[in-house]
Amino acid sequence: MIGTLSVKQAAEETGAHIETIKRHIRRGTFSACKPLSDRGGWRIFEEPFRRWWSGQVGATSNRRAAK
């Protein structure tokens, strides 16, 4: 889907663990959907994710370095 990221892409970009990204999805921190039910996995809408991430950068140093 255009304008979306996979959970893996979001984790790589932020340096967070995949389960951390999924926990944020379940909490409703940013918008995501499962377009193919469980087969396709979560797709994160890019714009709300980037807004959330821009507010998180520098908030903590307790994460892996992003690639």
PDB file of N, CA and C in Angstrom:
ATOM      1  N   MET A   1       0.845  -1.190   0.000  1.00  0.00           N
ATOM      2  CA  MET A   1       0.000   0.000   0.000  1.00  0.00           C
ATOM      3  C   MET A   1       0.885   1.247   0.000  1.00  0.00           C
ATOM      4  N   ILE A   2       0.517   2.200  -0.792  1.00  0.00           N
ATOM      5  CA  ILE A   2       1.260   3.447  -0.858  1.00  0.00           C
ATOM      6  C   ILE A   2       0.978   4.259   0.396  1.00  0.00           C
ATOM      7  N   GLY A   3       2.029   4.841   0.972  1.00  0.00           N
ATOM      8  CA  GLY A   3       1.864   5.657   2.161  1.00  0.00           C
ATOM      9  C   GLY A   3       1.808   4.855   3.446  1.00  0.00           C
ATOM     10  N   THR A   4       2.281   3.600   3.381  1.00  0.00           N
ATOM     11  CA  THR A   4       2.294   2.773   4.579  1.00  0.00           C
ATOM     12  C   THR A   4       3.668   2.143   4.766  1.00  0.00           C
ATOM     13  N   LEU A   5       3.919   1.707   5.977  1.00  0.00           N
ATOM     14  CA  LEU A   5       5.147   0.992   6.326  1.00  0.00           C
ATOM     15  C   LEU A   5       4.768  -0.337   6.956  1.00  0.00           C
ATOM     16  N   SER A   6       5.617  -1.328   6.801  1.00  0.00           N
ATOM     17  CA  SER A   6       5.419  -2.570   7.537  1.00  0.00           C
ATOM     18  C   SER A   6       5.955  -2.364   8.952  1.00  0.00           C
ATOM     19  N   VAL A   7       5.604  -3.261   9.842  1.00  0.00           N
ATOM     20  CA  VAL A   7       6.110  -3.189  11.214  1.00  0.00           C
ATOM     21  C   VAL A   7       7.635  -3.305  11.205  1.00  0.00           C
ATOM     22  N   LYS A   8       8.152  -4.186  10.357  1.00  0.00           N
ATOM     23  CA  LYS A   8       9.601  -4.365  10.265  1.00  0.00           C
ATOM     24  C   LYS A   8      10.286  -3.076   9.804  1.00  0.00           C
ATOM     25  N   GLN A   9       9.727  -2.413   8.804  1.00  0.00           N
ATOM     26  CA  GLN A   9      10.306  -1.154   8.320  1.00  0.00           C
ATOM     27  C   GLN A   9      10.291  -0.095   9.412  1.00  0.00           C
ATOM     28  N   ALA A  10       9.192  -0.002  10.144  1.00  0.00           N
ATOM     29  CA  ALA A  10       9.091   0.983  11.227  1.00  0.00           C
ATOM     30  C   ALA A  10      10.104   0.683  12.329  1.00  0.00           C
ATOM     31  N   ALA A  11      10.273  -0.599  12.656  1.00  0.00           N
ATOM     32  CA  ALA A  11      11.240  -0.984  13.686  1.00  0.00           C
ATOM     33  C   ALA A  11      12.660  -0.651  13.247  1.00  0.00           C
ATOM     34  N   GLU A  12      12.988  -0.924  11.997  1.00  0.00           N
ATOM     35  CA  GLU A  12      14.320  -0.614  11.493  1.00  0.00           C
ATOM     36  C   GLU A  12      14.572   0.889  11.495  1.00  0.00           C
ATOM     37  N   GLU A  13      13.571   1.650  11.139  1.00  0.00           N
ATOM     38  CA  GLU A  13      13.726   3.102  11.075  1.00  0.00           C
ATOM     39  C   GLU A  13      13.926   3.720  12.460  1.00  0.00           C
ATOM     40  N   THR A  14      13.223   3.194  13.443  1.00  0.00           N
ATOM     41  CA  THR A  14      13.289   3.773  14.786  1.00  0.00           C
ATOM     42  C   THR A  14      14.342   3.139  15.669  1.00  0.00           C
ATOM     43  N   GLY A  15      14.771   1.927  15.328  1.00  0.00           N
ATOM     44  CA  GLY A  15      15.695   1.207  16.196  1.00  0.00           C
ATOM     45  C   GLY A  15      14.980   0.485  17.322  1.00  0.00           C
ATOM     46  N   ALA A  16      13.655   0.471  17.286  1.00  0.00           N
ATOM     47  CA  ALA A  16      12.857  -0.208  18.307  1.00  0.00           C
ATOM     48  C   ALA A  16      12.634  -1.664  17.904  1.00  0.00           C
ATOM     49  N   HIS A  17      12.264  -2.482  18.856  1.00  0.00           N
ATOM     50  CA  HIS A  17      11.954  -3.884  18.582  1.00  0.00           C
ATOM     51  C   HIS A  17      10.591  -3.970  17.900  1.00  0.00           C
ATOM     52  N   ILE A  18      10.401  -4.994  17.088  1.00  0.00           N
ATOM     53  CA  ILE A  18       9.140  -5.193  16.370  1.00  0.00           C
ATOM     54  C   ILE A  18       7.962  -5.248  17.340  1.00  0.00           C
ATOM     55  N   GLU A  19       8.117  -5.924  18.461  1.00  0.00           N
ATOM     56  CA  GLU A  19       7.028  -6.022  19.439  1.00  0.00           C
ATOM     57  C   GLU A  19       6.696  -4.664  20.061  1.00  0.00           C
ATOM     58  N   THR A  20       7.686  -3.793  20.175  1.00  0.00           N
ATOM     59  CA  THR A  20       7.433  -2.438  20.686  1.00  0.00           C
ATOM     60  C   THR A  20       6.542  -1.676  19.712  1.00  0.00           C
ATOM     61  N   ILE A  21       6.824  -1.797  18.431  1.00  0.00           N
ATOM     62  CA  ILE A  21       5.994  -1.137  17.414  1.00  0.00           C
ATOM     63  C   ILE A  21       4.577  -1.700  17.468  1.00  0.00           C
ATOM     64  N   LYS A  22       4.437  -3.026  17.577  1.00  0.00           N
ATOM     65  CA  LYS A  22       3.107  -3.635  17.663  1.00  0.00           C
ATOM     66  C   LYS A  22       2.367  -3.181  18.916  1.00  0.00           C
ATOM     67  N   ARG A  23       3.068  -3.008  20.027  1.00  0.00           N
ATOM     68  CA  ARG A  23       2.434  -2.530  21.258  1.00  0.00           C
ATOM     69  C   ARG A  23       1.886  -1.116  21.054  1.00  0.00           C
ATOM     70  N   HIS A  24       2.643  -0.259  20.366  1.00  0.00           N
ATOM     71  CA  HIS A  24       2.159   1.098  20.076  1.00  0.00           C
ATOM     72  C   HIS A  24       0.930   1.058  19.171  1.00  0.00           C
ATOM     73  N   ILE A  25       0.906   0.125  18.221  1.00  0.00           N
ATOM     74  CA  ILE A  25      -0.271  -0.014  17.356  1.00  0.00           C
ATOM     75  C   ILE A  25      -1.484  -0.387  18.201  1.00  0.00           C
ATOM     76  N   ARG A  26      -1.331  -1.382  19.085  1.00  0.00           N
ATOM     77  CA  ARG A  26      -2.455  -1.822  19.928  1.00  0.00           C
ATOM     78  C   ARG A  26      -2.938  -0.703  20.841  1.00  0.00           C
ATOM     79  N   ARG A  27      -2.029   0.141  21.315  1.00  0.00           N
ATOM     80  CA  ARG A  27      -2.404   1.272  22.178  1.00  0.00           C
ATOM     81  C   ARG A  27      -3.051   2.403  21.402  1.00  0.00           C
ATOM     82  N   GLY A  28      -2.873   2.408  20.078  1.00  0.00           N
ATOM     83  CA  GLY A  28      -3.442   3.475  19.262  1.00  0.00           C
ATOM     84  C   GLY A  28      -2.549   4.693  19.176  1.00  0.00           C
ATOM     85  N   THR A  29      -1.257   4.512  19.423  1.00  0.00           N
ATOM     86  CA  THR A  29      -0.307   5.625  19.366  1.00  0.00           C
ATOM     87  C   THR A  29      -0.268   6.240  17.977  1.00  0.00           C
ATOM     88  N   PHE A  30      -0.341   5.410  16.950  1.00  0.00           N
ATOM     89  CA  PHE A  30      -0.434   5.883  15.566  1.00  0.00           C
ATOM     90  C   PHE A  30      -1.348   4.931  14.807  1.00  0.00           C
ATOM     91  N   SER A  31      -1.811   5.355  13.658  1.00  0.00           N
ATOM     92  CA  SER A  31      -2.798   4.598  12.884  1.00  0.00           C
ATOM     93  C   SER A  31      -2.149   3.458  12.115  1.00  0.00           C
ATOM     94  N   ALA A  32      -2.848   2.317  12.109  1.00  0.00           N
ATOM     95  CA  ALA A  32      -2.400   1.158  11.342  1.00  0.00           C
ATOM     96  C   ALA A  32      -3.616   0.307  10.990  1.00  0.00           C
ATOM     97  N   CYS A  33      -3.452  -0.565  10.016  1.00  0.00           N
ATOM     98  CA  CYS A  33      -4.534  -1.467   9.628  1.00  0.00           C
ATOM     99  C   CYS A  33      -3.948  -2.808   9.214  1.00  0.00           C
ATOM    100  N   LYS A  34      -4.813  -3.796   9.096  1.00  0.00           N
ATOM    101  CA  LYS A  34      -4.443  -5.120   8.601  1.00  0.00           C
ATOM    102  C   LYS A  34      -5.257  -5.360   7.327  1.00  0.00           C
ATOM    103  N   PRO A  35      -4.753  -4.912   6.174  1.00  0.00           N
ATOM    104  CA  PRO A  35      -5.557  -5.000   4.956  1.00  0.00           C
ATOM    105  C   PRO A  35      -5.854  -6.424   4.495  1.00  0.00           C
ATOM    106  N   LEU A  36      -5.016  -7.378   4.813  1.00  0.00           N
ATOM    107  CA  LEU A  36      -5.240  -8.764   4.413  1.00  0.00           C
ATOM    108  C   LEU A  36      -5.491  -9.640   5.628  1.00  0.00           C
ATOM    109  N   SER A  37      -6.113  -9.078   6.640  1.00  0.00           N
ATOM    110  CA  SER A  37      -6.343  -9.766   7.899  1.00  0.00           C
ATOM    111  C   SER A  37      -5.001 -10.154   8.494  1.00  0.00           C
ATOM    112  N   ASP A  38      -4.858 -11.347   9.016  1.00  0.00           N
ATOM    113  CA  ASP A  38      -3.601 -11.737   9.645  1.00  0.00           C
ATOM    114  C   ASP A  38      -2.514 -12.119   8.636  1.00  0.00           C
ATOM    115  N   ARG A  39      -2.896 -12.430   7.410  1.00  0.00           N
ATOM    116  CA  ARG A  39      -1.902 -12.861   6.420  1.00  0.00           C
ATOM    117  C   ARG A  39      -0.920 -11.766   6.048  1.00  0.00           C
ATOM    118  N   GLY A  40      -1.402 -10.548   5.928  1.00  0.00           N
ATOM    119  CA  GLY A  40      -0.543  -9.463   5.468  1.00  0.00           C
ATOM    120  C   GLY A  40       0.170  -8.719   6.575  1.00  0.00           C
ATOM    121  N   GLY A  41      -0.244  -8.929   7.800  1.00  0.00           N
ATOM    122  CA  GLY A  41       0.358  -8.200   8.915  1.00  0.00           C
ATOM    123  C   GLY A  41      -0.107  -6.756   8.959  1.00  0.00           C
ATOM    124  N   TRP A  42       0.389  -6.052   9.929  1.00  0.00           N
ATOM    125  CA  TRP A  42       0.031  -4.646  10.113  1.00  0.00           C
ATOM    126  C   TRP A  42       0.684  -3.776   9.056  1.00  0.00           C
ATOM    127  N   ARG A  43      -0.040  -2.771   8.591  1.00  0.00           N
ATOM    128  CA  ARG A  43       0.493  -1.711   7.739  1.00  0.00           C
ATOM    129  C   ARG A  43       0.277  -0.409   8.491  1.00  0.00           C
ATOM    130  N   ILE A  44       1.346   0.314   8.719  1.00  0.00           N
ATOM    131  CA  ILE A  44       1.318   1.554   9.501  1.00  0.00           C
ATOM    132  C   ILE A  44       1.202   2.723   8.534  1.00  0.00           C
ATOM    133  N   PHE A  45       0.247   3.603   8.785  1.00  0.00           N
ATOM    134  CA  PHE A  45       0.094   4.786   7.943  1.00  0.00           C
ATOM    135  C   PHE A  45       1.271   5.723   8.207  1.00  0.00           C
ATOM    136  N   GLU A  46       1.943   6.083   7.133  1.00  0.00           N
ATOM    137  CA  GLU A  46       3.224   6.770   7.233  1.00  0.00           C
ATOM    138  C   GLU A  46       3.141   8.145   7.896  1.00  0.00           C
ATOM    139  N   GLU A  47       2.190   8.964   7.528  1.00  0.00           N
ATOM    140  CA  GLU A  47       2.131  10.335   8.056  1.00  0.00           C
ATOM    141  C   GLU A  47       1.953  10.384   9.573  1.00  0.00           C
ATOM    142  N   PRO A  48       0.972   9.691  10.160  1.00  0.00           N
ATOM    143  CA  PRO A  48       0.857   9.723  11.623  1.00  0.00           C
ATOM    144  C   PRO A  48       2.066   9.096  12.319  1.00  0.00           C
ATOM    145  N   PHE A  49       2.631   8.057  11.697  1.00  0.00           N
ATOM    146  CA  PHE A  49       3.824   7.433  12.275  1.00  0.00           C
ATOM    147  C   PHE A  49       4.972   8.424  12.309  1.00  0.00           C
ATOM    148  N   ARG A  50       5.201   9.150  11.227  1.00  0.00           N
ATOM    149  CA  ARG A  50       6.316  10.119  11.169  1.00  0.00           C
ATOM    150  C   ARG A  50       6.095  11.270  12.150  1.00  0.00           C
ATOM    151  N   ARG A  51       4.844  11.704  12.313  1.00  0.00           N
ATOM    152  CA  ARG A  51       4.558  12.752  13.307  1.00  0.00           C
ATOM    153  C   ARG A  51       4.889  12.246  14.709  1.00  0.00           C
ATOM    154  N   TRP A  52       4.466  11.014  15.017  1.00  0.00           N
ATOM    155  CA  TRP A  52       4.763  10.430  16.318  1.00  0.00           C
ATOM    156  C   TRP A  52       6.269  10.298  16.508  1.00  0.00           C
ATOM    157  N   TRP A  53       6.965   9.784  15.505  1.00  0.00           N
ATOM    158  CA  TRP A  53       8.396   9.543  15.626  1.00  0.00           C
ATOM    159  C   TRP A  53       9.166  10.847  15.777  1.00  0.00           C
ATOM    160  N   SER A  54       8.758  11.905  15.089  1.00  0.00           N
ATOM    161  CA  SER A  54       9.466  13.180  15.215  1.00  0.00           C
ATOM    162  C   SER A  54       9.374  13.727  16.635  1.00  0.00           C
ATOM    163  N   GLY A  55       8.294  13.404  17.345  1.00  0.00           N
ATOM    164  CA  GLY A  55       8.166  13.818  18.740  1.00  0.00           C
ATOM    165  C   GLY A  55       8.942  12.933  19.700  1.00  0.00           C
ATOM    166  N   GLN A  56       9.323  11.739  19.249  1.00  0.00           N
ATOM    167  CA  GLN A  56      10.040  10.790  20.093  1.00  0.00           C
ATOM    168  C   GLN A  56      11.553  10.914  19.996  1.00  0.00           C
ATOM    169  N   VAL A  57      12.049  11.427  18.881  1.00  0.00           N
ATOM    170  CA  VAL A  57      13.493  11.517  18.676  1.00  0.00           C
ATOM    171  C   VAL A  57      14.097  12.367  19.781  1.00  0.00           C
ATOM    172  N   GLY A  58      15.053  11.811  20.457  1.00  0.00           N
ATOM    173  CA  GLY A  58      15.717  12.525  21.537  1.00  0.00           C
ATOM    174  C   GLY A  58      15.035  12.395  22.883  1.00  0.00           C
ATOM    175  N   ALA A  59      13.826  11.803  22.918  1.00  0.00           N
ATOM    176  CA  ALA A  59      13.099  11.668  24.179  1.00  0.00           C
ATOM    177  C   ALA A  59      13.769  10.653  25.098  1.00  0.00           C
ATOM    178  N   THR A  60      14.454   9.678  24.527  1.00  0.00           N
ATOM    179  CA  THR A  60      15.168   8.681  25.316  1.00  0.00           C
ATOM    180  C   THR A  60      16.353   8.166  24.523  1.00  0.00           C
ATOM    181  N   SER A  61      17.363   7.741  25.224  1.00  0.00           N
ATOM    182  CA  SER A  61      18.532   7.162  24.543  1.00  0.00           C
ATOM    183  C   SER A  61      18.522   5.650  24.700  1.00  0.00           C
ATOM    184  N   ASN A  62      17.428   5.094  25.204  1.00  0.00           N
ATOM    185  CA  ASN A  62      17.342   3.671  25.477  1.00  0.00           C
ATOM    186  C   ASN A  62      16.772   2.913  24.276  1.00  0.00           C
ATOM    187  N   ARG A  63      17.479   2.939  23.160  1.00  0.00           N
ATOM    188  CA  ARG A  63      17.061   2.177  21.987  1.00  0.00           C
ATOM    189  C   ARG A  63      18.271   1.883  21.125  1.00  0.00           C
ATOM    190  N   ARG A  64      18.123   0.872  20.274  1.00  0.00           N
ATOM    191  CA  ARG A  64      19.198   0.525  19.343  1.00  0.00           C
ATOM    192  C   ARG A  64      19.359   1.627  18.313  1.00  0.00           C
ATOM    193  N   ALA A  65      20.536   1.723  17.783  1.00  0.00           N
ATOM    194  CA  ALA A  65      20.787   2.721  16.729  1.00  0.00           C
ATOM    195  C   ALA A  65      19.982   2.354  15.490  1.00  0.00           C
ATOM    196  N   ALA A  66      19.317   3.334  14.902  1.00  0.00           N
ATOM    197  CA  ALA A  66      18.552   3.097  13.687  1.00  0.00           C
ATOM    198  C   ALA A  66      19.508   2.888  12.523  1.00  0.00           C
ATOM    199  N   LYS A  67      19.093   2.071  11.560  1.00  0.00           N
ATOM    200  CA  LYS A  67      19.949   1.786  10.391  1.00  0.00           C
ATOM    201  C   LYS A  67      19.792   2.838   9.338  1.00  0.00           C
TER     202      LYS A  67
END
